[in-house]
Amino acid sequence: MATSLLIAALGLAGVTHWRASAREAAAEAAFPPTGQFVTVDGLQLHYEVAGTGPDLVMIHGASGSLRDLTFSLRDQLTDRYRVIVVDRPGLGHSDPLPETSLLSQARHIKAGLAQLGVAEPVVLGQSYGGAVALAWALDGGPRALVLVGSPSMPWPGTLDIWYRATSTRLGRAVAVPLASAFVPAAYVRQATASVFAPDPVPEGYDDWLGAALTLRRETLATNTAQVNALRAELVTMEPRYPTLTLPIELVHGTADTIVPIDIHSRPLLRLLPNASLTTLVGAGHMPHHSHSDHVIQAIDRANENS
């Protein structure tokens, strides 16, 4: 009996590895790098640059890549900014870091973009990317921030079942390969719709995003490690927020159930000496798509006030 179970387990592991490898190869063939690379400490950072003007750096959220920001938002800004979008370390086509903290990511991005002459940019962060932007600001460098639906404060309760399942080494070893190999495309589309809700997913977004890239084993492992560490990092950052005197624009939807406004941006606003909050009534977690005009206005204000 034990031998039969072992053979079955080895067979499942073999099929899982084969299927995950095939899906990874197909994803990378379908969605190759669209920009350039810069090397920091032997690791590659993938970025795109477009437009002319003051530097605007845009950082995407969890389970994503720079493609989220190049779908429509970036091209509405290139007439007056040099817009630099990056794949965060370990996501998209950027190499993972040995240490996945917000500060490590911020310093890695900062060092990479310094090679392009980026010194004191306006930094926009969406969702988890906003937490990276806050860590960057606490470390020094940006002249203004725009935080779009961003986590900033420790939250009550726990993360959803996927992140709880992958919070341990054993959980990641089991769950990540299985998800990489067998999660269907229909589930990914459903998950994307839930992130946008109650706003609709823009036409063509699913095809553009390259969500298959997020199902690669290394990407899944990196993303789960980053998100599982987030709350503890925000606990250490929160007492330092009042020291941030740079202009900060917060943009947040009242119907955002992923990063609720009452837990994050509204309390954060009370801690920041030079911040303003744009409240989007009825908007969900992706206002840079559903309400891009308000996000662009916030970017312009941040630039003008810095």
C-alpha atoms as a PDB file:
ATOM      1  CA  MET A   1       0.000   0.000   0.000  1.00  0.00           C
ATOM      2  CA  ALA A   2       2.769   2.407   0.985  1.00  0.00           C
ATOM      3  CA  THR A   3       4.645   1.589  -2.210  1.00  0.00           C
ATOM      4  CA  SER A   4       1.557   2.275  -4.306  1.00  0.00           C
ATOM      5  CA  LEU A   5       1.035   5.630  -2.604  1.00  0.00           C
ATOM      6  CA  LEU A   6       4.669   6.547  -3.165  1.00  0.00           C
ATOM      7  CA  ILE A   7       4.453   5.664  -6.850  1.00  0.00           C
ATOM      8  CA  ALA A   8       1.245   7.683  -7.179  1.00  0.00           C
ATOM      9  CA  ALA A   9       2.827  10.675  -5.421  1.00  0.00           C
ATOM     10  CA  LEU A  10       5.906  10.531  -7.623  1.00  0.00           C
ATOM     11  CA  GLY A  11       3.707  10.283 -10.691  1.00  0.00           C
ATOM     12  CA  LEU A  12       1.684  13.322  -9.640  1.00  0.00           C
ATOM     13  CA  ALA A  13       4.884  15.257  -8.931  1.00  0.00           C
ATOM     14  CA  GLY A  14       6.226  14.359 -12.364  1.00  0.00           C
ATOM     15  CA  VAL A  15       3.040  15.368 -14.168  1.00  0.00           C
ATOM     16  CA  THR A  16       2.875  18.591 -12.148  1.00  0.00           C
ATOM     17  CA  HIS A  17       6.461  19.519 -13.013  1.00  0.00           C
ATOM     18  CA  TRP A  18       5.965  18.705 -16.707  1.00  0.00           C
ATOM     19  CA  ARG A  19       2.729  20.661 -16.973  1.00  0.00           C
ATOM     20  CA  ALA A  20       4.036  23.670 -14.996  1.00  0.00           C
ATOM     21  CA  SER A  21       7.182  23.781 -17.137  1.00  0.00           C
ATOM     22  CA  ALA A  22       5.164  23.643 -20.348  1.00  0.00           C
ATOM     23  CA  ARG A  23       2.824  26.410 -19.193  1.00  0.00           C
ATOM     24  CA  GLU A  24       5.761  28.588 -18.125  1.00  0.00           C
ATOM     25  CA  ALA A  25       7.439  28.190 -21.504  1.00  0.00           C
ATOM     26  CA  ALA A  26       4.198  29.043 -23.297  1.00  0.00           C
ATOM     27  CA  ALA A  27       3.644  32.121 -21.120  1.00  0.00           C
ATOM     28  CA  GLU A  28       7.138  33.472 -21.726  1.00  0.00           C
ATOM     29  CA  ALA A  29       6.811  32.873 -25.467  1.00  0.00           C
ATOM     30  CA  ALA A  30       3.437  34.633 -25.598  1.00  0.00           C
ATOM     31  CA  PHE A  31       4.506  37.560 -23.385  1.00  0.00           C
ATOM     32  CA  PRO A  32       8.223  38.261 -23.888  1.00  0.00           C
ATOM     33  CA  PRO A  33       9.957  41.310 -22.395  1.00  0.00           C
ATOM     34  CA  THR A  34       8.663  44.540 -23.890  1.00  0.00           C
ATOM     35  CA  GLY A  35      11.296  46.899 -22.542  1.00  0.00           C
ATOM     36  CA  GLN A  36      14.951  46.959 -21.596  1.00  0.00           C
ATOM     37  CA  PHE A  37      17.020  45.631 -18.716  1.00  0.00           C
ATOM     38  CA  VAL A  38      19.384  47.218 -16.260  1.00  0.00           C
ATOM     39  CA  THR A  39      21.590  45.137 -13.965  1.00  0.00           C
ATOM     40  CA  VAL A  40      21.853  45.781 -10.224  1.00  0.00           C
ATOM     41  CA  ASP A  41      24.098  43.538  -8.121  1.00  0.00           C
ATOM     42  CA  GLY A  42      24.042  40.945 -10.873  1.00  0.00           C
ATOM     43  CA  LEU A  43      20.243  40.892 -11.102  1.00  0.00           C
ATOM     44  CA  GLN A  44      18.187  42.186 -14.010  1.00  0.00           C
ATOM     45  CA  LEU A  45      15.434  44.767 -13.617  1.00  0.00           C
ATOM     46  CA  HIS A  46      12.980  45.010 -16.511  1.00  0.00           C
ATOM     47  CA  TYR A  47      11.643  48.475 -17.360  1.00  0.00           C
ATOM     48  CA  GLU A  48      10.057  50.556 -20.102  1.00  0.00           C
ATOM     49  CA  VAL A  49      10.616  54.261 -20.744  1.00  0.00           C
ATOM     50  CA  ALA A  50       8.360  56.506 -22.832  1.00  0.00           C
ATOM     51  CA  GLY A  51       7.719  60.226 -23.156  1.00  0.00           C
ATOM     52  CA  THR A  52       9.604  63.374 -22.210  1.00  0.00           C
ATOM     53  CA  GLY A  53       9.427  65.679 -19.220  1.00  0.00           C
ATOM     54  CA  PRO A  54       9.856  65.266 -15.450  1.00  0.00           C
ATOM     55  CA  ASP A  55      10.463  61.710 -14.323  1.00  0.00           C
ATOM     56  CA  LEU A  56       7.417  59.697 -13.272  1.00  0.00           C
ATOM     57  CA  VAL A  57       8.075  56.180 -11.991  1.00  0.00           C
ATOM     58  CA  MET A  58       5.110  53.793 -11.812  1.00  0.00           C
ATOM     59  CA  ILE A  59       5.147  50.604  -9.713  1.00  0.00           C
ATOM     60  CA  HIS A  60       2.550  47.852 -10.129  1.00  0.00           C
ATOM     61  CA  GLY A  61       0.788  45.812  -7.472  1.00  0.00           C
ATOM     62  CA  ALA A  62       0.794  42.180  -6.365  1.00  0.00           C
ATOM     63  CA  SER A  63       0.374  39.331  -8.859  1.00  0.00           C
ATOM     64  CA  GLY A  64       1.055  41.667 -11.744  1.00  0.00           C
ATOM     65  CA  SER A  65       3.647  43.295 -13.942  1.00  0.00           C
ATOM     66  CA  LEU A  66       4.319  46.596 -15.662  1.00  0.00           C
ATOM     67  CA  ARG A  67       1.791  45.530 -18.312  1.00  0.00           C
ATOM     68  CA  ASP A  68      -1.000  46.603 -15.945  1.00  0.00           C
ATOM     69  CA  LEU A  69       0.302  50.177 -16.118  1.00  0.00           C
ATOM     70  CA  THR A  70       1.061  50.185 -19.840  1.00  0.00           C
ATOM     71  CA  PHE A  71      -2.406  48.958 -20.817  1.00  0.00           C
ATOM     72  CA  SER A  72      -3.841  52.492 -20.941  1.00  0.00           C
ATOM     73  CA  LEU A  73      -2.578  54.765 -18.152  1.00  0.00           C
ATOM     74  CA  ARG A  74       1.034  55.220 -19.277  1.00  0.00           C
ATOM     75  CA  ASP A  75       0.209  56.513 -22.738  1.00  0.00           C
ATOM     76  CA  GLN A  76      -2.037  59.251 -21.322  1.00  0.00           C
ATOM     77  CA  LEU A  77       1.008  60.737 -19.568  1.00  0.00           C
ATOM     78  CA  THR A  78       3.865  60.599 -22.061  1.00  0.00           C
ATOM     79  CA  ASP A  79       3.062  64.012 -23.542  1.00  0.00           C
ATOM     80  CA  ARG A  80       4.401  65.681 -20.392  1.00  0.00           C
ATOM     81  CA  TYR A  81       6.382  63.125 -18.364  1.00  0.00           C
ATOM     82  CA  ARG A  82       9.210  60.713 -18.932  1.00  0.00           C
ATOM     83  CA  VAL A  83       7.315  57.691 -17.675  1.00  0.00           C
ATOM     84  CA  ILE A  84       9.324  54.760 -16.368  1.00  0.00           C
ATOM     85  CA  VAL A  85       7.433  51.587 -15.516  1.00  0.00           C
ATOM     86  CA  VAL A  86       9.152  48.637 -13.867  1.00  0.00           C
ATOM     87  CA  ASP A  87       8.514  44.998 -13.179  1.00  0.00           C
ATOM     88  CA  ARG A  88       8.990  44.657  -9.445  1.00  0.00           C
ATOM     89  CA  PRO A  89      11.722  42.175  -8.473  1.00  0.00           C
ATOM     90  CA  GLY A  90      10.587  38.600  -9.015  1.00  0.00           C
ATOM     91  CA  LEU A  91       7.550  39.550 -11.094  1.00  0.00           C
ATOM     92  CA  GLY A  92       7.142  40.082 -14.819  1.00  0.00           C
ATOM     93  CA  HIS A  93      10.623  39.744 -16.300  1.00  0.00           C
ATOM     94  CA  SER A  94      12.657  41.091 -13.359  1.00  0.00           C
ATOM     95  CA  ASP A  95      14.886  38.745 -11.389  1.00  0.00           C
ATOM     96  CA  PRO A  96      13.863  37.978  -7.796  1.00  0.00           C
ATOM     97  CA  LEU A  97      15.845  39.341  -4.888  1.00  0.00           C
ATOM     98  CA  PRO A  98      17.372  37.186  -2.163  1.00  0.00           C
ATOM     99  CA  GLU A  99      15.378  39.260   0.333  1.00  0.00           C
ATOM    100  CA  THR A 100      11.868  40.335  -0.614  1.00  0.00           C
ATOM    101  CA  SER A 101      11.129  43.254   1.749  1.00  0.00           C
ATOM    102  CA  LEU A 102       9.536  46.507   0.629  1.00  0.00           C
ATOM    103  CA  LEU A 103      12.751  48.368   1.385  1.00  0.00           C
ATOM    104  CA  SER A 104      14.897  45.905  -0.570  1.00  0.00           C
ATOM    105  CA  GLN A 105      12.604  46.266  -3.560  1.00  0.00           C
ATOM    106  CA  ALA A 106      12.583  50.056  -3.298  1.00  0.00           C
ATOM    107  CA  ARG A 107      16.369  50.274  -3.087  1.00  0.00           C
ATOM    108  CA  HIS A 108      16.783  47.845  -5.983  1.00  0.00           C
ATOM    109  CA  ILE A 109      14.432  49.861  -8.193  1.00  0.00           C
ATOM    110  CA  LYS A 110      16.060  53.116  -7.114  1.00  0.00           C
ATOM    111  CA  ALA A 111      19.559  51.798  -7.916  1.00  0.00           C
ATOM    112  CA  GLY A 112      18.455  50.471 -11.288  1.00  0.00           C
ATOM    113  CA  LEU A 113      16.722  53.650 -12.370  1.00  0.00           C
ATOM    114  CA  ALA A 114      19.629  55.784 -11.159  1.00  0.00           C
ATOM    115  CA  GLN A 115      21.542  54.259 -14.076  1.00  0.00           C
ATOM    116  CA  LEU A 116      18.978  55.942 -16.336  1.00  0.00           C
ATOM    117  CA  GLY A 117      19.513  59.299 -14.673  1.00  0.00           C
ATOM    118  CA  VAL A 118      16.409  59.078 -12.476  1.00  0.00           C
ATOM    119  CA  ALA A 119      17.174  60.963  -9.263  1.00  0.00           C
ATOM    120  CA  GLU A 120      14.121  62.607  -7.659  1.00  0.00           C
ATOM    121  CA  PRO A 121      11.051  61.290  -9.450  1.00  0.00           C
ATOM    122  CA  VAL A 122       7.376  61.471  -8.754  1.00  0.00           C
ATOM    123  CA  VAL A 123       6.569  57.886  -7.809  1.00  0.00           C
ATOM    124  CA  LEU A 124       3.160  56.315  -8.365  1.00  0.00           C
ATOM    125  CA  GLY A 125       2.418  53.034  -6.658  1.00  0.00           C
ATOM    126  CA  GLN A 126      -0.735  51.003  -7.196  1.00  0.00           C
ATOM    127  CA  SER A 127      -1.878  48.553  -4.501  1.00  0.00           C
ATOM    128  CA  TYR A 128       1.214  46.697  -3.161  1.00  0.00           C
ATOM    129  CA  GLY A 129       3.333  48.985  -5.339  1.00  0.00           C
ATOM    130  CA  GLY A 130       2.187  51.885  -3.165  1.00  0.00           C
ATOM    131  CA  ALA A 131       3.695  50.200  -0.124  1.00  0.00           C
ATOM    132  CA  VAL A 132       6.979  49.921  -2.048  1.00  0.00           C
ATOM    133  CA  ALA A 133       6.678  53.640  -2.882  1.00  0.00           C
ATOM    134  CA  LEU A 134       6.155  54.477   0.807  1.00  0.00           C
ATOM    135  CA  ALA A 135       9.257  52.468   1.741  1.00  0.00           C
ATOM    136  CA  TRP A 136      11.193  54.336  -0.955  1.00  0.00           C
ATOM    137  CA  ALA A 137      10.019  57.678   0.431  1.00  0.00           C
ATOM    138  CA  LEU A 138      10.957  56.721   3.994  1.00  0.00           C
ATOM    139  CA  ASP A 139      14.418  55.827   2.682  1.00  0.00           C
ATOM    140  CA  GLY A 140      14.692  59.103   0.738  1.00  0.00           C
ATOM    141  CA  GLY A 141      14.536  59.947  -2.935  1.00  0.00           C
ATOM    142  CA  PRO A 142      11.090  60.667  -4.393  1.00  0.00           C
ATOM    143  CA  ARG A 143       9.969  64.282  -4.578  1.00  0.00           C
ATOM    144  CA  ALA A 144       6.289  63.295  -4.466  1.00  0.00           C
ATOM    145  CA  LEU A 145       4.117  60.168  -4.193  1.00  0.00           C
ATOM    146  CA  VAL A 146       0.828  59.121  -5.745  1.00  0.00           C
ATOM    147  CA  LEU A 147      -0.676  56.115  -3.959  1.00  0.00           C
ATOM    148  CA  VAL A 148      -3.558  54.411  -5.757  1.00  0.00           C
ATOM    149  CA  GLY A 149      -5.595  51.938  -3.726  1.00  0.00           C
ATOM    150  CA  SER A 150      -2.499  51.229  -1.679  1.00  0.00           C
ATOM    151  CA  PRO A 151      -2.062  49.326   1.585  1.00  0.00           C
ATOM    152  CA  SER A 152      -0.331  51.468   4.155  1.00  0.00           C
ATOM    153  CA  MET A 153      -1.608  50.470   7.598  1.00  0.00           C
ATOM    154  CA  PRO A 154      -1.680  47.169   9.502  1.00  0.00           C
ATOM    155  CA  TRP A 155      -5.065  45.543   8.971  1.00  0.00           C
ATOM    156  CA  PRO A 156      -7.220  43.383  11.259  1.00  0.00           C
ATOM    157  CA  GLY A 157      -7.774  39.727  10.511  1.00  0.00           C
ATOM    158  CA  THR A 158      -5.873  37.470   8.132  1.00  0.00           C
ATOM    159  CA  LEU A 159      -5.171  37.191   4.433  1.00  0.00           C
ATOM    160  CA  ASP A 160      -7.256  34.949   2.186  1.00  0.00           C
ATOM    161  CA  ILE A 161      -6.849  31.183   2.064  1.00  0.00           C
ATOM    162  CA  TRP A 162      -4.253  31.186  -0.753  1.00  0.00           C
ATOM    163  CA  TYR A 163      -1.840  33.331   1.219  1.00  0.00           C
ATOM    164  CA  ARG A 164      -2.485  31.429   4.434  1.00  0.00           C
ATOM    165  CA  ALA A 165      -1.784  28.159   2.609  1.00  0.00           C
ATOM    166  CA  THR A 166       1.499  29.515   1.242  1.00  0.00           C
ATOM    167  CA  SER A 167       2.702  31.184   4.433  1.00  0.00           C
ATOM    168  CA  THR A 168       4.933  28.209   5.302  1.00  0.00           C
ATOM    169  CA  ARG A 169       7.724  26.485   3.400  1.00  0.00           C
ATOM    170  CA  LEU A 170       5.727  23.237   3.242  1.00  0.00           C
ATOM    171  CA  GLY A 171       2.623  25.062   2.053  1.00  0.00           C
ATOM    172  CA  ARG A 172       4.539  26.787  -0.721  1.00  0.00           C
ATOM    173  CA  ALA A 173       6.235  23.537  -1.739  1.00  0.00           C
ATOM    174  CA  VAL A 174       2.852  21.876  -2.234  1.00  0.00           C
ATOM    175  CA  ALA A 175       0.526  24.683  -3.338  1.00  0.00           C
ATOM    176  CA  VAL A 176       2.748  26.663  -5.712  1.00  0.00           C
ATOM    177  CA  PRO A 177       3.567  23.874  -8.212  1.00  0.00           C
ATOM    178  CA  LEU A 178      -0.022  22.639  -8.204  1.00  0.00           C
ATOM    179  CA  ALA A 179      -1.378  26.133  -8.878  1.00  0.00           C
ATOM    180  CA  SER A 180       1.210  26.731 -11.580  1.00  0.00           C
ATOM    181  CA  ALA A 181       0.323  23.481 -13.318  1.00  0.00           C
ATOM    182  CA  PHE A 182      -3.413  23.270 -12.975  1.00  0.00           C
ATOM    183  CA  VAL A 183      -5.144  26.617 -12.290  1.00  0.00           C
ATOM    184  CA  PRO A 184      -7.404  27.157 -15.330  1.00  0.00           C
ATOM    185  CA  ALA A 185      -7.533  30.341 -17.362  1.00  0.00           C
ATOM    186  CA  ALA A 186     -11.197  30.776 -16.454  1.00  0.00           C
ATOM    187  CA  TYR A 187     -10.267  31.002 -12.770  1.00  0.00           C
ATOM    188  CA  VAL A 188      -7.651  33.657 -13.543  1.00  0.00           C
ATOM    189  CA  ARG A 189     -10.217  35.718 -15.459  1.00  0.00           C
ATOM    190  CA  GLN A 190     -12.654  35.377 -12.547  1.00  0.00           C
ATOM    191  CA  ALA A 191      -9.968  36.492 -10.099  1.00  0.00           C
ATOM    192  CA  THR A 192      -9.191  39.528 -12.273  1.00  0.00           C
ATOM    193  CA  ALA A 193     -12.884  40.442 -12.365  1.00  0.00           C
ATOM    194  CA  SER A 194     -13.069  40.255  -8.561  1.00  0.00           C
ATOM    195  CA  VAL A 195     -10.114  42.633  -8.242  1.00  0.00           C
ATOM    196  CA  PHE A 196     -11.815  45.175 -10.521  1.00  0.00           C
ATOM    197  CA  ALA A 197     -15.285  44.798  -8.988  1.00  0.00           C
ATOM    198  CA  PRO A 198     -17.629  46.583  -8.915  1.00  0.00           C
ATOM    199  CA  ASP A 199     -16.001  48.199 -11.965  1.00  0.00           C
ATOM    200  CA  PRO A 200     -15.840  46.128 -15.156  1.00  0.00           C
ATOM    201  CA  VAL A 201     -12.611  44.713 -16.546  1.00  0.00           C
ATOM    202  CA  PRO A 202     -11.693  46.898 -19.552  1.00  0.00           C
ATOM    203  CA  GLU A 203     -12.077  45.286 -22.940  1.00  0.00           C
ATOM    204  CA  GLY A 204      -8.811  43.718 -24.023  1.00  0.00           C
ATOM    205  CA  TYR A 205      -7.238  43.883 -20.551  1.00  0.00           C
ATOM    206  CA  ASP A 206      -7.112  40.112 -19.951  1.00  0.00           C
ATOM    207  CA  ASP A 207      -5.361  39.535 -23.270  1.00  0.00           C
ATOM    208  CA  TRP A 208      -2.876  42.358 -22.655  1.00  0.00           C
ATOM    209  CA  LEU A 209      -1.989  41.609 -19.036  1.00  0.00           C
ATOM    210  CA  GLY A 210      -0.226  38.318 -19.568  1.00  0.00           C
ATOM    211  CA  ALA A 211      -1.661  36.778 -16.422  1.00  0.00           C
ATOM    212  CA  ALA A 212      -0.042  33.467 -17.388  1.00  0.00           C
ATOM    213  CA  LEU A 213       3.270  35.021 -16.352  1.00  0.00           C
ATOM    214  CA  THR A 214       1.994  35.300 -12.791  1.00  0.00           C
ATOM    215  CA  LEU A 215       1.403  31.527 -12.641  1.00  0.00           C
ATOM    216  CA  ARG A 216       5.074  30.640 -13.085  1.00  0.00           C
ATOM    217  CA  ARG A 217       6.368  28.854 -10.013  1.00  0.00           C
ATOM    218  CA  GLU A 218       9.103  31.356  -9.191  1.00  0.00           C
ATOM    219  CA  THR A 219       6.707  34.265  -9.639  1.00  0.00           C
ATOM    220  CA  LEU A 220       4.030  32.673  -7.458  1.00  0.00           C
ATOM    221  CA  ALA A 221       6.586  31.920  -4.741  1.00  0.00           C
ATOM    222  CA  THR A 222       7.938  35.477  -4.822  1.00  0.00           C
ATOM    223  CA  ASN A 223       4.504  37.061  -4.779  1.00  0.00           C
ATOM    224  CA  THR A 224       3.270  34.964  -1.856  1.00  0.00           C
ATOM    225  CA  ALA A 225       6.413  35.725   0.153  1.00  0.00           C
ATOM    226  CA  GLN A 226       6.025  39.460  -0.485  1.00  0.00           C
ATOM    227  CA  VAL A 227       2.332  39.605   0.415  1.00  0.00           C
ATOM    228  CA  ASN A 228       2.669  37.386   3.488  1.00  0.00           C
ATOM    229  CA  ALA A 229       5.390  39.688   4.849  1.00  0.00           C
ATOM    230  CA  LEU A 230       3.497  42.916   4.106  1.00  0.00           C
ATOM    231  CA  ARG A 231       1.517  43.454   7.298  1.00  0.00           C
ATOM    232  CA  ALA A 232       4.525  43.055   9.587  1.00  0.00           C
ATOM    233  CA  GLU A 233       6.464  45.534   7.454  1.00  0.00           C
ATOM    234  CA  LEU A 234       3.662  48.097   7.635  1.00  0.00           C
ATOM    235  CA  VAL A 235       3.676  47.771  11.439  1.00  0.00           C
ATOM    236  CA  THR A 236       7.280  48.997  11.467  1.00  0.00           C
ATOM    237  CA  MET A 237       6.632  51.735   8.890  1.00  0.00           C
ATOM    238  CA  GLU A 238       3.498  53.285  10.413  1.00  0.00           C
ATOM    239  CA  PRO A 239       5.233  55.233  13.241  1.00  0.00           C
ATOM    240  CA  ARG A 240       7.505  56.909  10.666  1.00  0.00           C
ATOM    241  CA  TYR A 241       4.785  58.234   8.357  1.00  0.00           C
ATOM    242  CA  PRO A 242       4.559  61.650  10.089  1.00  0.00           C
ATOM    243  CA  THR A 243       8.183  62.279   9.038  1.00  0.00           C
ATOM    244  CA  LEU A 244       7.171  62.257   5.354  1.00  0.00           C
ATOM    245  CA  THR A 245       6.903  65.914   4.364  1.00  0.00           C
ATOM    246  CA  LEU A 246       6.899  65.422   0.584  1.00  0.00           C
ATOM    247  CA  PRO A 247       3.593  65.931  -1.287  1.00  0.00           C
ATOM    248  CA  ILE A 248       1.525  62.739  -1.248  1.00  0.00           C
ATOM    249  CA  GLU A 249      -1.644  62.220  -3.266  1.00  0.00           C
ATOM    250  CA  LEU A 250      -3.898  59.370  -2.164  1.00  0.00           C
ATOM    251  CA  VAL A 251      -6.500  58.043  -4.610  1.00  0.00           C
ATOM    252  CA  HIS A 252      -8.894  55.412  -3.295  1.00  0.00           C
ATOM    253  CA  GLY A 253     -12.280  53.932  -4.174  1.00  0.00           C
ATOM    254  CA  THR A 254     -14.933  53.558  -1.502  1.00  0.00           C
ATOM    255  CA  ALA A 255     -15.950  50.140  -2.885  1.00  0.00           C
ATOM    256  CA  ASP A 256     -12.416  48.737  -2.752  1.00  0.00           C
ATOM    257  CA  THR A 257     -12.700  45.446  -0.848  1.00  0.00           C
ATOM    258  CA  ILE A 258      -9.105  44.368  -1.541  1.00  0.00           C
ATOM    259  CA  VAL A 259      -7.533  47.348   0.264  1.00  0.00           C
ATOM    260  CA  PRO A 260     -10.393  49.079   2.118  1.00  0.00           C
ATOM    261  CA  ILE A 261     -10.165  52.865   2.243  1.00  0.00           C
ATOM    262  CA  ASP A 262     -11.264  53.047   5.893  1.00  0.00           C
ATOM    263  CA  ILE A 263      -8.411  50.793   6.992  1.00  0.00           C
ATOM    264  CA  HIS A 264      -5.702  52.361   4.836  1.00  0.00           C
ATOM    265  CA  SER A 265      -5.906  55.734   3.075  1.00  0.00           C
ATOM    266  CA  ARG A 266      -8.230  57.528   5.503  1.00  0.00           C
ATOM    267  CA  PRO A 267      -6.156  56.703   8.607  1.00  0.00           C
ATOM    268  CA  LEU A 268      -2.952  57.337   6.666  1.00  0.00           C
ATOM    269  CA  LEU A 269      -4.151  60.804   5.677  1.00  0.00           C
ATOM    270  CA  ARG A 270      -4.292  61.786   9.362  1.00  0.00           C
ATOM    271  CA  LEU A 271      -0.621  60.845   9.817  1.00  0.00           C
ATOM    272  CA  LEU A 272       0.829  62.676   6.829  1.00  0.00           C
ATOM    273  CA  PRO A 273       1.634  66.395   7.115  1.00  0.00           C
ATOM    274  CA  ASN A 274       1.390  67.153   3.382  1.00  0.00           C
ATOM    275  CA  ALA A 275      -1.149  64.823   1.824  1.00  0.00           C
ATOM    276  CA  SER A 276      -4.562  64.918   0.205  1.00  0.00           C
ATOM    277  CA  LEU A 277      -7.106  62.189  -0.486  1.00  0.00           C
ATOM    278  CA  THR A 278      -9.222  61.808  -3.607  1.00  0.00           C
ATOM    279  CA  THR A 279     -12.190  59.661  -2.616  1.00  0.00           C
ATOM    280  CA  LEU A 280     -13.865  57.901  -5.538  1.00  0.00           C
ATOM    281  CA  VAL A 281     -17.390  56.982  -4.524  1.00  0.00           C
ATOM    282  CA  GLY A 282     -18.342  53.509  -5.728  1.00  0.00           C
ATOM    283  CA  ALA A 283     -14.969  52.751  -7.299  1.00  0.00           C
ATOM    284  CA  GLY A 284     -13.141  49.489  -6.731  1.00  0.00           C
ATOM    285  CA  HIS A 285      -9.486  48.542  -6.425  1.00  0.00           C
ATOM    286  CA  MET A 286      -8.351  49.547  -9.930  1.00  0.00           C
ATOM    287  CA  PRO A 287      -9.199  53.261 -10.315  1.00  0.00           C
ATOM    288  CA  HIS A 288      -6.187  53.835 -12.575  1.00  0.00           C
ATOM    289  CA  HIS A 289      -8.337  52.047 -15.163  1.00  0.00           C
ATOM    290  CA  SER A 290     -11.893  52.916 -14.134  1.00  0.00           C
ATOM    291  CA  HIS A 291     -11.196  56.530 -13.092  1.00  0.00           C
ATOM    292  CA  SER A 292      -7.909  57.307 -14.825  1.00  0.00           C
ATOM    293  CA  ASP A 293      -8.773  61.010 -15.130  1.00  0.00           C
ATOM    294  CA  HIS A 294      -8.714  61.380 -11.338  1.00  0.00           C
ATOM    295  CA  VAL A 295      -5.426  59.502 -11.090  1.00  0.00           C
ATOM    296  CA  ILE A 296      -3.861  61.691 -13.787  1.00  0.00           C
ATOM    297  CA  GLN A 297      -5.058  64.831 -12.002  1.00  0.00           C
ATOM    298  CA  ALA A 298      -3.430  63.547  -8.805  1.00  0.00           C
ATOM    299  CA  ILE A 299      -0.164  62.950 -10.668  1.00  0.00           C
ATOM    300  CA  ASP A 300      -0.236  66.482 -12.048  1.00  0.00           C
ATOM    301  CA  ARG A 301      -0.914  67.958  -8.592  1.00  0.00           C
ATOM    302  CA  ALA A 302       1.930  65.944  -7.078  1.00  0.00           C
ATOM    303  CA  ASN A 303       4.292  67.184  -9.781  1.00  0.00           C
ATOM    304  CA  GLU A 304       3.185  70.801  -9.461  1.00  0.00           C
ATOM    305  CA  ASN A 305       3.413  70.832  -5.658  1.00  0.00           C
ATOM    306  CA  SER A 306       6.839  69.215  -5.416  1.00  0.00           C
END
